Amino acid sequence: MTADARIRVATPDDAAAVRDIYAPFCESTAVTFEETPPTEAEVANRIASTLETYPWLVCEIDGAVAGYAYASRLRERRAYQWTVELSVYVADDARQSGVGRALYESLFAVLERQGVRDGYAVTTVPNPETERFHERLGFERCVDFPAIGHSEGEWRDVAWWRRSIGEKTADPEPITPLPTLRDRLDEADWNALVRTGVNRLES
C-alpha cells in the first residue's frame, strides 16, 4: 500500500481540492457534459448535500487529495431509492496508481451497508481507458445512447454501466442515510468500512 495513503469521508473543506481535480475535465474534455467548472462554493454545497444521504469519499496520498468518488440518487421517485449513480475522478498525477479502484471499492462497501442494490455509471464513449476500468470493476455495459449530447464541438455517444452492489430481496427495507449508518457503527467499524479499498493502492 502507498505510504501515507488513506480513504475518508469528504467534508466541504475539501471543495478546493475536489474542484482542482474536476475542473480540467470540464474545461478540456468531453468526459463530463458540465462544461463550466463549478465554483468552490458550489462544490462545497454539493459535498454537503450528498452527505445527507450518500457517501462522498476522498483518497489522500501524502496529505493531498488524489481523487474522489460519490453516489447520488438516480431518480427521485421512491421506487428508485435502492439505485444510485456513481462518479469517480482522479488527479492527473495519480492515475494508474489504483486510486480510482480503491475509491470505488470503498464506495461499494458503504453503499452495500446502506442497503443500495445497484449502481450505474454514465460515461461518454469511445473512451477505452474508462471502459476498461469499469469492466475490470465488474460493471456491465447495459445501454448506449448515440449522439445524445453535444460537447467539445462534437455530438457524443453515452454509455450506461451497471454494477450489482447488494442482493435484491422481495421486500427491501428503505436505505439507511449515511449519517444514520455512521451513528450505528463504532469508530473502528466505521473506519474499516470506509477504508475497504485502501489496499488497492499501489506501493
N, C-alpha and C. Protein backbone atom coordinates (compact mmCIF):
# COMPACT_ATOMS: atom_id res chain seq x y z
N MET A 1 0.84 -1.20 0.00
CA MET A 1 0.00 0.00 0.00
C MET A 1 0.88 1.25 0.00
N THR A 2 0.45 2.25 -0.71
CA THR A 2 1.20 3.51 -0.76
C THR A 2 1.35 4.10 0.64
N ALA A 3 2.57 4.57 0.97
CA ALA A 3 2.80 5.18 2.27
C ALA A 3 1.93 6.42 2.42
N ASP A 4 1.43 6.64 3.65
CA ASP A 4 0.64 7.83 3.95
C ASP A 4 -0.55 7.99 3.02
N ALA A 5 -1.24 6.89 2.74
CA ALA A 5 -2.45 6.92 1.92
C ALA A 5 -3.64 6.55 2.77
N ARG A 6 -4.74 7.24 2.54
CA ARG A 6 -5.96 6.90 3.26
C ARG A 6 -7.18 7.29 2.46
N ILE A 7 -8.28 6.65 2.77
CA ILE A 7 -9.58 6.99 2.22
C ILE A 7 -10.46 7.44 3.37
N ARG A 8 -11.15 8.54 3.19
CA ARG A 8 -12.00 9.08 4.25
C ARG A 8 -13.22 9.74 3.64
N VAL A 9 -14.18 10.06 4.48
CA VAL A 9 -15.36 10.80 4.04
C VAL A 9 -14.96 12.25 3.80
N ALA A 10 -15.41 12.79 2.69
CA ALA A 10 -15.11 14.19 2.37
C ALA A 10 -15.84 15.13 3.32
N THR A 11 -15.38 16.36 3.37
CA THR A 11 -16.07 17.45 4.05
C THR A 11 -16.12 18.64 3.09
N PRO A 12 -16.96 19.62 3.35
CA PRO A 12 -16.96 20.81 2.49
C PRO A 12 -15.60 21.51 2.41
N ASP A 13 -14.74 21.28 3.40
CA ASP A 13 -13.40 21.87 3.36
C ASP A 13 -12.54 21.28 2.24
N ASP A 14 -12.97 20.16 1.66
CA ASP A 14 -12.24 19.56 0.55
C ASP A 14 -12.62 20.18 -0.79
N ALA A 15 -13.50 21.15 -0.79
CA ALA A 15 -14.05 21.67 -2.04
C ALA A 15 -12.98 22.18 -3.00
N ALA A 16 -11.99 22.89 -2.50
CA ALA A 16 -10.97 23.44 -3.38
C ALA A 16 -10.18 22.32 -4.06
N ALA A 17 -9.80 21.31 -3.30
CA ALA A 17 -9.04 20.19 -3.87
C ALA A 17 -9.88 19.41 -4.87
N VAL A 18 -11.15 19.19 -4.53
CA VAL A 18 -12.04 18.47 -5.44
C VAL A 18 -12.21 19.27 -6.74
N ARG A 19 -12.40 20.57 -6.60
CA ARG A 19 -12.57 21.40 -7.80
C ARG A 19 -11.31 21.36 -8.67
N ASP A 20 -10.15 21.38 -8.06
CA ASP A 20 -8.91 21.34 -8.83
C ASP A 20 -8.81 20.06 -9.66
N ILE A 21 -9.32 18.96 -9.13
CA ILE A 21 -9.31 17.70 -9.88
C ILE A 21 -10.35 17.72 -10.99
N TYR A 22 -11.53 18.25 -10.67
CA TYR A 22 -12.66 18.17 -11.59
C TYR A 22 -12.61 19.20 -12.72
N ALA A 23 -12.12 20.38 -12.45
CA ALA A 23 -12.18 21.48 -13.43
C ALA A 23 -11.58 21.12 -14.78
N PRO A 24 -10.40 20.47 -14.86
CA PRO A 24 -9.85 20.17 -16.18
C PRO A 24 -10.75 19.26 -17.02
N PHE A 25 -11.51 18.39 -16.38
CA PHE A 25 -12.43 17.53 -17.12
C PHE A 25 -13.55 18.36 -17.76
N CYS A 26 -13.93 19.45 -17.11
CA CYS A 26 -14.95 20.34 -17.66
C CYS A 26 -14.40 21.20 -18.78
N GLU A 27 -13.19 21.68 -18.61
CA GLU A 27 -12.63 22.71 -19.49
C GLU A 27 -12.07 22.17 -20.80
N SER A 28 -11.58 20.92 -20.80
CA SER A 28 -10.84 20.48 -21.99
C SER A 28 -11.15 19.05 -22.41
N THR A 29 -12.19 18.44 -21.88
CA THR A 29 -12.57 17.10 -22.29
C THR A 29 -14.09 17.00 -22.40
N ALA A 30 -14.54 15.91 -22.98
CA ALA A 30 -15.98 15.62 -23.04
C ALA A 30 -16.36 14.54 -22.03
N VAL A 31 -15.50 14.30 -21.05
CA VAL A 31 -15.77 13.29 -20.03
C VAL A 31 -17.05 13.62 -19.27
N THR A 32 -17.20 14.88 -18.91
CA THR A 32 -18.43 15.34 -18.27
C THR A 32 -19.08 16.37 -19.16
N PHE A 33 -20.39 16.39 -19.21
CA PHE A 33 -21.08 17.39 -20.01
C PHE A 33 -21.27 18.70 -19.25
N GLU A 34 -20.67 18.79 -18.07
CA GLU A 34 -20.65 20.07 -17.35
C GLU A 34 -19.46 20.86 -17.88
N GLU A 35 -19.72 21.82 -18.74
CA GLU A 35 -18.64 22.46 -19.48
C GLU A 35 -18.03 23.66 -18.77
N THR A 36 -18.71 24.19 -17.77
CA THR A 36 -18.17 25.26 -16.95
C THR A 36 -17.91 24.72 -15.55
N PRO A 37 -16.67 24.75 -15.07
CA PRO A 37 -16.40 24.19 -13.74
C PRO A 37 -17.22 24.89 -12.67
N PRO A 38 -17.72 24.15 -11.70
CA PRO A 38 -18.42 24.79 -10.59
C PRO A 38 -17.44 25.58 -9.73
N THR A 39 -17.97 26.55 -9.02
CA THR A 39 -17.13 27.31 -8.09
C THR A 39 -16.81 26.45 -6.87
N GLU A 40 -15.84 26.91 -6.10
CA GLU A 40 -15.51 26.20 -4.86
C GLU A 40 -16.73 26.13 -3.94
N ALA A 41 -17.49 27.21 -3.86
CA ALA A 41 -18.69 27.22 -3.01
C ALA A 41 -19.72 26.21 -3.50
N GLU A 42 -19.88 26.13 -4.82
CA GLU A 42 -20.82 25.14 -5.38
C GLU A 42 -20.38 23.72 -5.07
N VAL A 43 -19.10 23.45 -5.17
CA VAL A 43 -18.60 22.11 -4.84
C VAL A 43 -18.84 21.80 -3.36
N ALA A 44 -18.57 22.77 -2.49
CA ALA A 44 -18.81 22.58 -1.05
C ALA A 44 -20.27 22.24 -0.79
N ASN A 45 -21.17 22.93 -1.48
CA ASN A 45 -22.60 22.65 -1.31
C ASN A 45 -22.95 21.25 -1.83
N ARG A 46 -22.33 20.85 -2.92
CA ARG A 46 -22.60 19.51 -3.45
C ARG A 46 -22.14 18.43 -2.47
N ILE A 47 -20.98 18.63 -1.90
CA ILE A 47 -20.48 17.65 -0.93
C ILE A 47 -21.44 17.57 0.26
N ALA A 48 -21.80 18.71 0.81
CA ALA A 48 -22.66 18.74 1.99
C ALA A 48 -24.02 18.11 1.71
N SER A 49 -24.62 18.43 0.57
CA SER A 49 -25.94 17.88 0.27
C SER A 49 -25.88 16.38 -0.01
N THR A 50 -24.82 15.93 -0.67
CA THR A 50 -24.66 14.50 -0.92
C THR A 50 -24.57 13.72 0.38
N LEU A 51 -23.79 14.24 1.33
CA LEU A 51 -23.55 13.53 2.59
C LEU A 51 -24.78 13.44 3.48
N GLU A 52 -25.84 14.15 3.14
CA GLU A 52 -27.08 13.99 3.89
C GLU A 52 -27.67 12.60 3.70
N THR A 53 -27.31 11.94 2.58
CA THR A 53 -27.84 10.60 2.30
C THR A 53 -26.78 9.61 1.87
N TYR A 54 -25.84 10.04 1.04
CA TYR A 54 -24.92 9.12 0.38
C TYR A 54 -23.46 9.45 0.70
N PRO A 55 -22.56 8.51 0.44
CA PRO A 55 -21.14 8.77 0.69
C PRO A 55 -20.49 9.63 -0.40
N TRP A 56 -19.60 10.48 0.04
CA TRP A 56 -18.66 11.18 -0.84
C TRP A 56 -17.30 10.96 -0.21
N LEU A 57 -16.44 10.22 -0.88
CA LEU A 57 -15.16 9.80 -0.33
C LEU A 57 -14.02 10.49 -1.06
N VAL A 58 -12.93 10.74 -0.34
CA VAL A 58 -11.71 11.23 -0.97
C VAL A 58 -10.57 10.29 -0.61
N CYS A 59 -9.62 10.21 -1.51
CA CYS A 59 -8.38 9.47 -1.26
C CYS A 59 -7.26 10.48 -1.12
N GLU A 60 -6.56 10.42 0.00
CA GLU A 60 -5.41 11.28 0.26
C GLU A 60 -4.13 10.48 0.13
N ILE A 61 -3.16 11.04 -0.54
CA ILE A 61 -1.82 10.47 -0.59
C ILE A 61 -0.85 11.56 -0.15
N ASP A 62 -0.10 11.24 0.88
CA ASP A 62 0.84 12.21 1.46
C ASP A 62 0.14 13.53 1.78
N GLY A 63 -1.08 13.44 2.28
CA GLY A 63 -1.82 14.60 2.74
C GLY A 63 -2.55 15.38 1.68
N ALA A 64 -2.41 15.00 0.41
CA ALA A 64 -3.08 15.71 -0.68
C ALA A 64 -4.19 14.85 -1.27
N VAL A 65 -5.31 15.47 -1.61
CA VAL A 65 -6.42 14.72 -2.21
C VAL A 65 -6.03 14.32 -3.62
N ALA A 66 -6.03 13.01 -3.87
CA ALA A 66 -5.62 12.47 -5.16
C ALA A 66 -6.81 12.02 -6.01
N GLY A 67 -7.99 11.94 -5.40
CA GLY A 67 -9.17 11.53 -6.14
C GLY A 67 -10.37 11.52 -5.22
N TYR A 68 -11.53 11.40 -5.84
CA TYR A 68 -12.75 11.35 -5.04
C TYR A 68 -13.81 10.54 -5.78
N ALA A 69 -14.78 10.04 -5.03
CA ALA A 69 -15.89 9.28 -5.59
C ALA A 69 -17.12 9.52 -4.74
N TYR A 70 -18.27 9.51 -5.38
CA TYR A 70 -19.50 9.73 -4.63
C TYR A 70 -20.67 9.05 -5.32
N ALA A 71 -21.77 8.94 -4.60
CA ALA A 71 -23.01 8.39 -5.13
C ALA A 71 -24.10 9.44 -5.04
N SER A 72 -25.04 9.35 -5.95
CA SER A 72 -26.21 10.22 -5.91
C SER A 72 -27.43 9.41 -6.35
N ARG A 73 -28.58 9.88 -5.96
CA ARG A 73 -29.80 9.15 -6.30
C ARG A 73 -30.02 9.22 -7.81
N LEU A 74 -30.37 8.07 -8.41
CA LEU A 74 -30.55 8.02 -9.85
C LEU A 74 -31.80 8.79 -10.27
N ARG A 75 -32.90 8.58 -9.55
CA ARG A 75 -34.15 9.30 -9.79
C ARG A 75 -34.84 9.50 -8.46
N GLU A 76 -35.76 10.47 -8.44
CA GLU A 76 -36.33 10.90 -7.17
C GLU A 76 -37.47 10.04 -6.65
N ARG A 77 -38.17 9.32 -7.49
CA ARG A 77 -39.32 8.55 -7.02
C ARG A 77 -38.88 7.44 -6.07
N ARG A 78 -39.78 7.13 -5.11
CA ARG A 78 -39.46 6.19 -4.04
C ARG A 78 -38.93 4.87 -4.56
N ALA A 79 -39.48 4.40 -5.67
CA ALA A 79 -39.11 3.09 -6.19
C ALA A 79 -37.64 3.00 -6.61
N TYR A 80 -37.01 4.16 -6.83
CA TYR A 80 -35.61 4.18 -7.26
C TYR A 80 -34.62 4.32 -6.11
N GLN A 81 -35.09 4.33 -4.87
CA GLN A 81 -34.18 4.66 -3.77
C GLN A 81 -33.05 3.65 -3.59
N TRP A 82 -33.18 2.46 -4.12
CA TRP A 82 -32.14 1.44 -3.96
C TRP A 82 -31.13 1.45 -5.09
N THR A 83 -31.22 2.47 -5.95
CA THR A 83 -30.34 2.57 -7.12
C THR A 83 -29.65 3.93 -7.10
N VAL A 84 -28.35 3.94 -7.37
CA VAL A 84 -27.58 5.19 -7.33
C VAL A 84 -26.79 5.36 -8.62
N GLU A 85 -26.43 6.61 -8.89
CA GLU A 85 -25.46 6.92 -9.93
C GLU A 85 -24.12 7.17 -9.27
N LEU A 86 -23.06 6.66 -9.88
CA LEU A 86 -21.72 6.70 -9.30
C LEU A 86 -20.81 7.61 -10.12
N SER A 87 -19.91 8.30 -9.45
CA SER A 87 -18.92 9.13 -10.12
C SER A 87 -17.58 8.98 -9.43
N VAL A 88 -16.52 8.96 -10.21
CA VAL A 88 -15.16 8.90 -9.66
C VAL A 88 -14.24 9.73 -10.54
N TYR A 89 -13.39 10.52 -9.90
CA TYR A 89 -12.42 11.35 -10.62
C TYR A 89 -11.08 11.26 -9.90
N VAL A 90 -10.01 11.18 -10.68
CA VAL A 90 -8.66 11.03 -10.13
C VAL A 90 -7.77 12.13 -10.70
N ALA A 91 -6.94 12.70 -9.86
CA ALA A 91 -5.99 13.73 -10.30
C ALA A 91 -5.05 13.16 -11.35
N ASP A 92 -4.63 14.02 -12.26
CA ASP A 92 -3.81 13.58 -13.39
C ASP A 92 -2.55 12.86 -12.94
N ASP A 93 -1.91 13.36 -11.88
CA ASP A 93 -0.65 12.75 -11.45
C ASP A 93 -0.84 11.52 -10.58
N ALA A 94 -2.09 11.10 -10.35
CA ALA A 94 -2.35 9.92 -9.53
C ALA A 94 -3.00 8.79 -10.33
N ARG A 95 -3.15 8.96 -11.63
CA ARG A 95 -3.77 7.91 -12.43
C ARG A 95 -2.85 6.71 -12.56
N GLN A 96 -3.46 5.56 -12.78
CA GLN A 96 -2.75 4.28 -12.90
C GLN A 96 -2.07 3.87 -11.59
N SER A 97 -2.52 4.41 -10.48
CA SER A 97 -1.94 4.04 -9.18
C SER A 97 -2.92 3.30 -8.29
N GLY A 98 -4.10 2.99 -8.82
CA GLY A 98 -5.10 2.26 -8.05
C GLY A 98 -6.06 3.15 -7.28
N VAL A 99 -5.94 4.46 -7.41
CA VAL A 99 -6.80 5.37 -6.64
C VAL A 99 -8.26 5.20 -7.02
N GLY A 100 -8.56 5.15 -8.32
CA GLY A 100 -9.95 5.01 -8.74
C GLY A 100 -10.57 3.72 -8.24
N ARG A 101 -9.85 2.62 -8.38
CA ARG A 101 -10.36 1.33 -7.92
C ARG A 101 -10.54 1.33 -6.41
N ALA A 102 -9.58 1.87 -5.68
CA ALA A 102 -9.67 1.92 -4.22
C ALA A 102 -10.90 2.70 -3.77
N LEU A 103 -11.12 3.85 -4.39
CA LEU A 103 -12.27 4.67 -4.03
C LEU A 103 -13.57 3.95 -4.33
N TYR A 104 -13.67 3.34 -5.51
CA TYR A 104 -14.90 2.63 -5.87
C TYR A 104 -15.17 1.47 -4.91
N GLU A 105 -14.15 0.72 -4.55
CA GLU A 105 -14.38 -0.42 -3.67
C GLU A 105 -14.84 0.03 -2.29
N SER A 106 -14.29 1.13 -1.79
CA SER A 106 -14.79 1.68 -0.53
C SER A 106 -16.22 2.17 -0.69
N LEU A 107 -16.50 2.83 -1.80
CA LEU A 107 -17.85 3.33 -2.06
C LEU A 107 -18.85 2.18 -2.11
N PHE A 108 -18.50 1.09 -2.82
CA PHE A 108 -19.40 -0.06 -2.89
C PHE A 108 -19.69 -0.62 -1.49
N ALA A 109 -18.65 -0.70 -0.67
CA ALA A 109 -18.81 -1.28 0.66
C ALA A 109 -19.78 -0.46 1.51
N VAL A 110 -19.63 0.86 1.47
CA VAL A 110 -20.52 1.72 2.25
C VAL A 110 -21.94 1.64 1.71
N LEU A 111 -22.09 1.70 0.40
CA LEU A 111 -23.42 1.64 -0.20
C LEU A 111 -24.13 0.33 0.12
N GLU A 112 -23.38 -0.76 0.09
CA GLU A 112 -24.00 -2.05 0.43
C GLU A 112 -24.55 -2.04 1.85
N ARG A 113 -23.79 -1.47 2.78
CA ARG A 113 -24.26 -1.38 4.17
C ARG A 113 -25.47 -0.47 4.30
N GLN A 114 -25.61 0.48 3.39
CA GLN A 114 -26.77 1.35 3.41
C GLN A 114 -28.02 0.68 2.85
N GLY A 115 -27.82 -0.42 2.14
CA GLY A 115 -28.95 -1.12 1.53
C GLY A 115 -29.14 -0.82 0.06
N VAL A 116 -28.18 -0.18 -0.57
CA VAL A 116 -28.26 0.08 -2.00
C VAL A 116 -28.05 -1.23 -2.76
N ARG A 117 -28.81 -1.42 -3.84
CA ARG A 117 -28.73 -2.67 -4.61
C ARG A 117 -27.95 -2.55 -5.91
N ASP A 118 -28.08 -1.43 -6.61
CA ASP A 118 -27.43 -1.29 -7.91
C ASP A 118 -26.79 0.08 -8.05
N GLY A 119 -25.65 0.12 -8.74
CA GLY A 119 -25.01 1.38 -9.07
C GLY A 119 -24.84 1.51 -10.57
N TYR A 120 -25.06 2.69 -11.08
CA TYR A 120 -24.89 2.97 -12.51
C TYR A 120 -23.83 4.04 -12.70
N ALA A 121 -22.99 3.84 -13.70
CA ALA A 121 -22.02 4.85 -14.11
C ALA A 121 -22.38 5.28 -15.53
N VAL A 122 -22.20 6.56 -15.81
CA VAL A 122 -22.54 7.12 -17.11
C VAL A 122 -21.27 7.70 -17.70
N THR A 123 -20.88 7.23 -18.89
CA THR A 123 -19.62 7.68 -19.49
C THR A 123 -19.83 8.06 -20.95
N THR A 124 -19.08 9.07 -21.41
CA THR A 124 -19.01 9.32 -22.84
C THR A 124 -18.14 8.24 -23.48
N VAL A 125 -18.48 7.86 -24.70
CA VAL A 125 -17.73 6.84 -25.43
C VAL A 125 -17.55 7.31 -26.87
N PRO A 126 -16.45 6.83 -27.53
CA PRO A 126 -15.47 5.89 -27.01
C PRO A 126 -14.50 6.54 -26.03
N ASN A 127 -14.11 5.78 -25.05
CA ASN A 127 -13.14 6.19 -24.05
C ASN A 127 -12.52 4.90 -23.51
N PRO A 128 -11.58 4.31 -24.26
CA PRO A 128 -11.09 2.97 -23.94
C PRO A 128 -10.59 2.80 -22.51
N GLU A 129 -9.89 3.79 -21.99
CA GLU A 129 -9.36 3.66 -20.63
C GLU A 129 -10.49 3.54 -19.61
N THR A 130 -11.49 4.42 -19.73
CA THR A 130 -12.62 4.38 -18.81
C THR A 130 -13.44 3.11 -18.99
N GLU A 131 -13.60 2.68 -20.23
CA GLU A 131 -14.36 1.46 -20.48
C GLU A 131 -13.68 0.25 -19.84
N ARG A 132 -12.36 0.14 -19.99
CA ARG A 132 -11.63 -0.98 -19.37
C ARG A 132 -11.72 -0.90 -17.85
N PHE A 133 -11.63 0.30 -17.31
CA PHE A 133 -11.70 0.48 -15.87
C PHE A 133 -13.01 -0.07 -15.32
N HIS A 134 -14.12 0.27 -15.95
CA HIS A 134 -15.42 -0.19 -15.45
C HIS A 134 -15.59 -1.70 -15.65
N GLU A 135 -15.10 -2.21 -16.75
CA GLU A 135 -15.18 -3.66 -16.96
C GLU A 135 -14.40 -4.42 -15.90
N ARG A 136 -13.20 -3.93 -15.56
CA ARG A 136 -12.39 -4.61 -14.54
C ARG A 136 -13.07 -4.60 -13.17
N LEU A 137 -13.90 -3.60 -12.92
CA LEU A 137 -14.57 -3.49 -11.64
C LEU A 137 -15.94 -4.18 -11.62
N GLY A 138 -16.23 -4.94 -12.66
CA GLY A 138 -17.43 -5.74 -12.65
C GLY A 138 -18.68 -5.05 -13.17
N PHE A 139 -18.51 -3.92 -13.83
CA PHE A 139 -19.66 -3.25 -14.44
C PHE A 139 -20.03 -3.94 -15.75
N GLU A 140 -21.31 -3.96 -16.02
CA GLU A 140 -21.83 -4.46 -17.29
C GLU A 140 -22.33 -3.27 -18.11
N ARG A 141 -21.87 -3.18 -19.33
CA ARG A 141 -22.36 -2.12 -20.22
C ARG A 141 -23.76 -2.48 -20.68
N CYS A 142 -24.74 -1.68 -20.27
CA CYS A 142 -26.12 -2.11 -20.46
C CYS A 142 -26.88 -1.36 -21.54
N VAL A 143 -26.48 -0.13 -21.87
CA VAL A 143 -27.19 0.59 -22.92
C VAL A 143 -26.31 1.72 -23.44
N ASP A 144 -26.41 1.98 -24.75
CA ASP A 144 -25.71 3.10 -25.38
C ASP A 144 -26.74 4.08 -25.94
N PHE A 145 -26.45 5.36 -25.78
CA PHE A 145 -27.28 6.41 -26.35
C PHE A 145 -26.45 7.14 -27.41
N PRO A 146 -26.74 6.92 -28.68
CA PRO A 146 -25.90 7.53 -29.73
C PRO A 146 -26.16 9.03 -29.87
N ALA A 147 -25.07 9.78 -29.99
CA ALA A 147 -25.12 11.22 -30.26
C ALA A 147 -26.13 11.94 -29.37
N ILE A 148 -26.08 11.66 -28.08
CA ILE A 148 -27.08 12.21 -27.16
C ILE A 148 -26.72 13.59 -26.65
N GLY A 149 -25.44 13.95 -26.69
CA GLY A 149 -25.02 15.26 -26.18
C GLY A 149 -23.99 15.91 -27.10
N HIS A 150 -24.00 17.23 -27.16
CA HIS A 150 -23.04 17.96 -27.98
C HIS A 150 -22.07 18.68 -27.05
N SER A 151 -20.80 18.29 -27.10
CA SER A 151 -19.78 18.85 -26.22
C SER A 151 -18.44 18.85 -26.93
N GLU A 152 -17.63 19.86 -26.67
CA GLU A 152 -16.31 19.98 -27.29
C GLU A 152 -16.43 19.91 -28.82
N GLY A 153 -17.49 20.52 -29.37
CA GLY A 153 -17.62 20.65 -30.81
C GLY A 153 -18.12 19.43 -31.55
N GLU A 154 -18.54 18.38 -30.82
CA GLU A 154 -18.99 17.17 -31.48
C GLU A 154 -20.21 16.59 -30.77
N TRP A 155 -21.01 15.82 -31.52
CA TRP A 155 -22.06 15.02 -30.91
C TRP A 155 -21.41 13.80 -30.28
N ARG A 156 -21.78 13.51 -29.04
CA ARG A 156 -21.13 12.46 -28.27
C ARG A 156 -22.10 11.34 -27.91
N ASP A 157 -21.58 10.11 -27.99
CA ASP A 157 -22.33 8.95 -27.51
C ASP A 157 -22.10 8.80 -26.01
N VAL A 158 -23.09 8.24 -25.35
CA VAL A 158 -23.00 7.99 -23.91
C VAL A 158 -23.39 6.54 -23.63
N ALA A 159 -22.63 5.89 -22.75
CA ALA A 159 -22.93 4.53 -22.32
C ALA A 159 -23.30 4.52 -20.84
N TRP A 160 -24.24 3.66 -20.50
CA TRP A 160 -24.59 3.41 -19.10
C TRP A 160 -24.04 2.05 -18.71
N TRP A 161 -23.45 2.01 -17.53
CA TRP A 161 -22.85 0.79 -16.99
C TRP A 161 -23.53 0.45 -15.66
N ARG A 162 -23.80 -0.82 -15.44
CA ARG A 162 -24.46 -1.26 -14.21
C ARG A 162 -23.58 -2.22 -13.44
N ARG A 163 -23.57 -2.04 -12.12
CA ARG A 163 -22.89 -2.99 -11.24
C ARG A 163 -23.80 -3.32 -10.07
N SER A 164 -23.97 -4.61 -9.82
CA SER A 164 -24.74 -5.02 -8.65
C SER A 164 -23.95 -4.71 -7.39
N ILE A 165 -24.64 -4.18 -6.37
CA ILE A 165 -23.99 -3.85 -5.11
C ILE A 165 -24.52 -4.72 -3.97
N GLY A 166 -25.82 -4.97 -3.95
CA GLY A 166 -26.41 -5.78 -2.88
C GLY A 166 -27.48 -6.71 -3.43
N GLU A 167 -27.76 -7.74 -2.68
CA GLU A 167 -28.77 -8.72 -3.10
C GLU A 167 -30.16 -8.09 -3.07
N LYS A 168 -30.94 -8.40 -4.09
CA LYS A 168 -32.31 -7.87 -4.17
C LYS A 168 -33.27 -8.84 -3.49
N THR A 169 -33.92 -8.35 -2.44
CA THR A 169 -34.89 -9.14 -1.70
C THR A 169 -36.30 -8.72 -2.08
N ALA A 170 -37.27 -9.55 -1.72
CA ALA A 170 -38.65 -9.31 -2.13
C ALA A 170 -39.25 -8.07 -1.48
N ASP A 171 -38.84 -7.77 -0.26
CA ASP A 171 -39.45 -6.66 0.48
C ASP A 171 -38.34 -5.84 1.13
N PRO A 172 -37.62 -5.04 0.35
CA PRO A 172 -36.44 -4.35 0.88
C PRO A 172 -36.79 -3.25 1.87
N GLU A 173 -35.96 -3.13 2.88
CA GLU A 173 -36.08 -2.01 3.81
C GLU A 173 -35.61 -0.74 3.11
N PRO A 174 -36.13 0.42 3.50
CA PRO A 174 -35.61 1.67 2.94
C PRO A 174 -34.10 1.78 3.18
N ILE A 175 -33.42 2.46 2.29
CA ILE A 175 -31.98 2.60 2.50
C ILE A 175 -31.71 3.42 3.76
N THR A 176 -30.55 3.18 4.33
CA THR A 176 -30.13 3.90 5.54
C THR A 176 -29.32 5.12 5.15
N PRO A 177 -29.75 6.32 5.49
CA PRO A 177 -28.94 7.50 5.18
C PRO A 177 -27.55 7.41 5.81
N LEU A 178 -26.58 7.98 5.16
CA LEU A 178 -25.20 7.86 5.63
C LEU A 178 -25.03 8.30 7.08
N PRO A 179 -25.57 9.44 7.53
CA PRO A 179 -25.37 9.83 8.93
C PRO A 179 -25.94 8.80 9.92
N THR A 180 -27.05 8.17 9.55
CA THR A 180 -27.64 7.14 10.42
C THR A 180 -26.74 5.93 10.49
N LEU A 181 -26.21 5.50 9.35
CA LEU A 181 -25.28 4.37 9.34
C LEU A 181 -24.07 4.68 10.19
N ARG A 182 -23.53 5.89 10.08
CA ARG A 182 -22.36 6.28 10.87
C ARG A 182 -22.67 6.19 12.35
N ASP A 183 -23.84 6.62 12.76
CA ASP A 183 -24.21 6.59 14.18
C ASP A 183 -24.36 5.18 14.71
N ARG A 184 -24.67 4.25 13.84
CA ARG A 184 -24.89 2.86 14.28
C ARG A 184 -23.60 2.08 14.48
N LEU A 185 -22.51 2.58 13.90
CA LEU A 185 -21.24 1.85 13.95
C LEU A 185 -20.28 2.51 14.94
N ASP A 186 -19.47 1.67 15.59
CA ASP A 186 -18.44 2.27 16.43
C ASP A 186 -17.30 2.77 15.55
N GLU A 187 -16.40 3.50 16.13
CA GLU A 187 -15.35 4.18 15.36
C GLU A 187 -14.52 3.19 14.54
N ALA A 188 -14.15 2.07 15.15
CA ALA A 188 -13.30 1.10 14.46
C ALA A 188 -14.02 0.50 13.26
N ASP A 189 -15.29 0.11 13.43
CA ASP A 189 -16.04 -0.49 12.33
C ASP A 189 -16.26 0.51 11.20
N TRP A 190 -16.57 1.76 11.58
CA TRP A 190 -16.79 2.78 10.57
C TRP A 190 -15.51 3.02 9.77
N ASN A 191 -14.39 3.17 10.43
CA ASN A 191 -13.13 3.42 9.74
C ASN A 191 -12.75 2.26 8.83
N ALA A 192 -12.98 1.03 9.30
CA ALA A 192 -12.66 -0.14 8.49
C ALA A 192 -13.54 -0.18 7.23
N LEU A 193 -14.80 0.19 7.38
CA LEU A 193 -15.71 0.19 6.24
C LEU A 193 -15.26 1.20 5.19
N VAL A 194 -14.98 2.41 5.62
CA VAL A 194 -14.59 3.47 4.68
C VAL A 194 -13.26 3.14 4.01
N ARG A 195 -12.39 2.43 4.71
CA ARG A 195 -11.06 2.12 4.18
C ARG A 195 -11.02 0.79 3.42
N THR A 196 -12.17 0.23 3.09
CA THR A 196 -12.22 -1.09 2.45
C THR A 196 -11.28 -1.20 1.26
N GLY A 197 -11.23 -0.19 0.42
CA GLY A 197 -10.45 -0.31 -0.81
C GLY A 197 -9.02 0.14 -0.73
N VAL A 198 -8.56 0.55 0.44
CA VAL A 198 -7.24 1.21 0.51
C VAL A 198 -6.11 0.29 0.11
N ASN A 199 -6.28 -1.02 0.29
CA ASN A 199 -5.20 -1.96 -0.09
C ASN A 199 -5.03 -2.07 -1.60
N ARG A 200 -5.93 -1.47 -2.36
CA ARG A 200 -5.79 -1.46 -3.82
C ARG A 200 -4.77 -0.44 -4.29
N LEU A 201 -4.36 0.44 -3.40
CA LEU A 201 -3.37 1.46 -3.77
C LEU A 201 -2.01 0.79 -3.90
N GLU A 202 -1.32 1.12 -4.98
CA GLU A 202 -0.02 0.51 -5.22
C GLU A 202 1.04 1.10 -4.33
N SER A 203 2.00 0.29 -3.98
CA SER A 203 3.15 0.77 -3.17
C SER A 203 4.18 1.43 -4.08
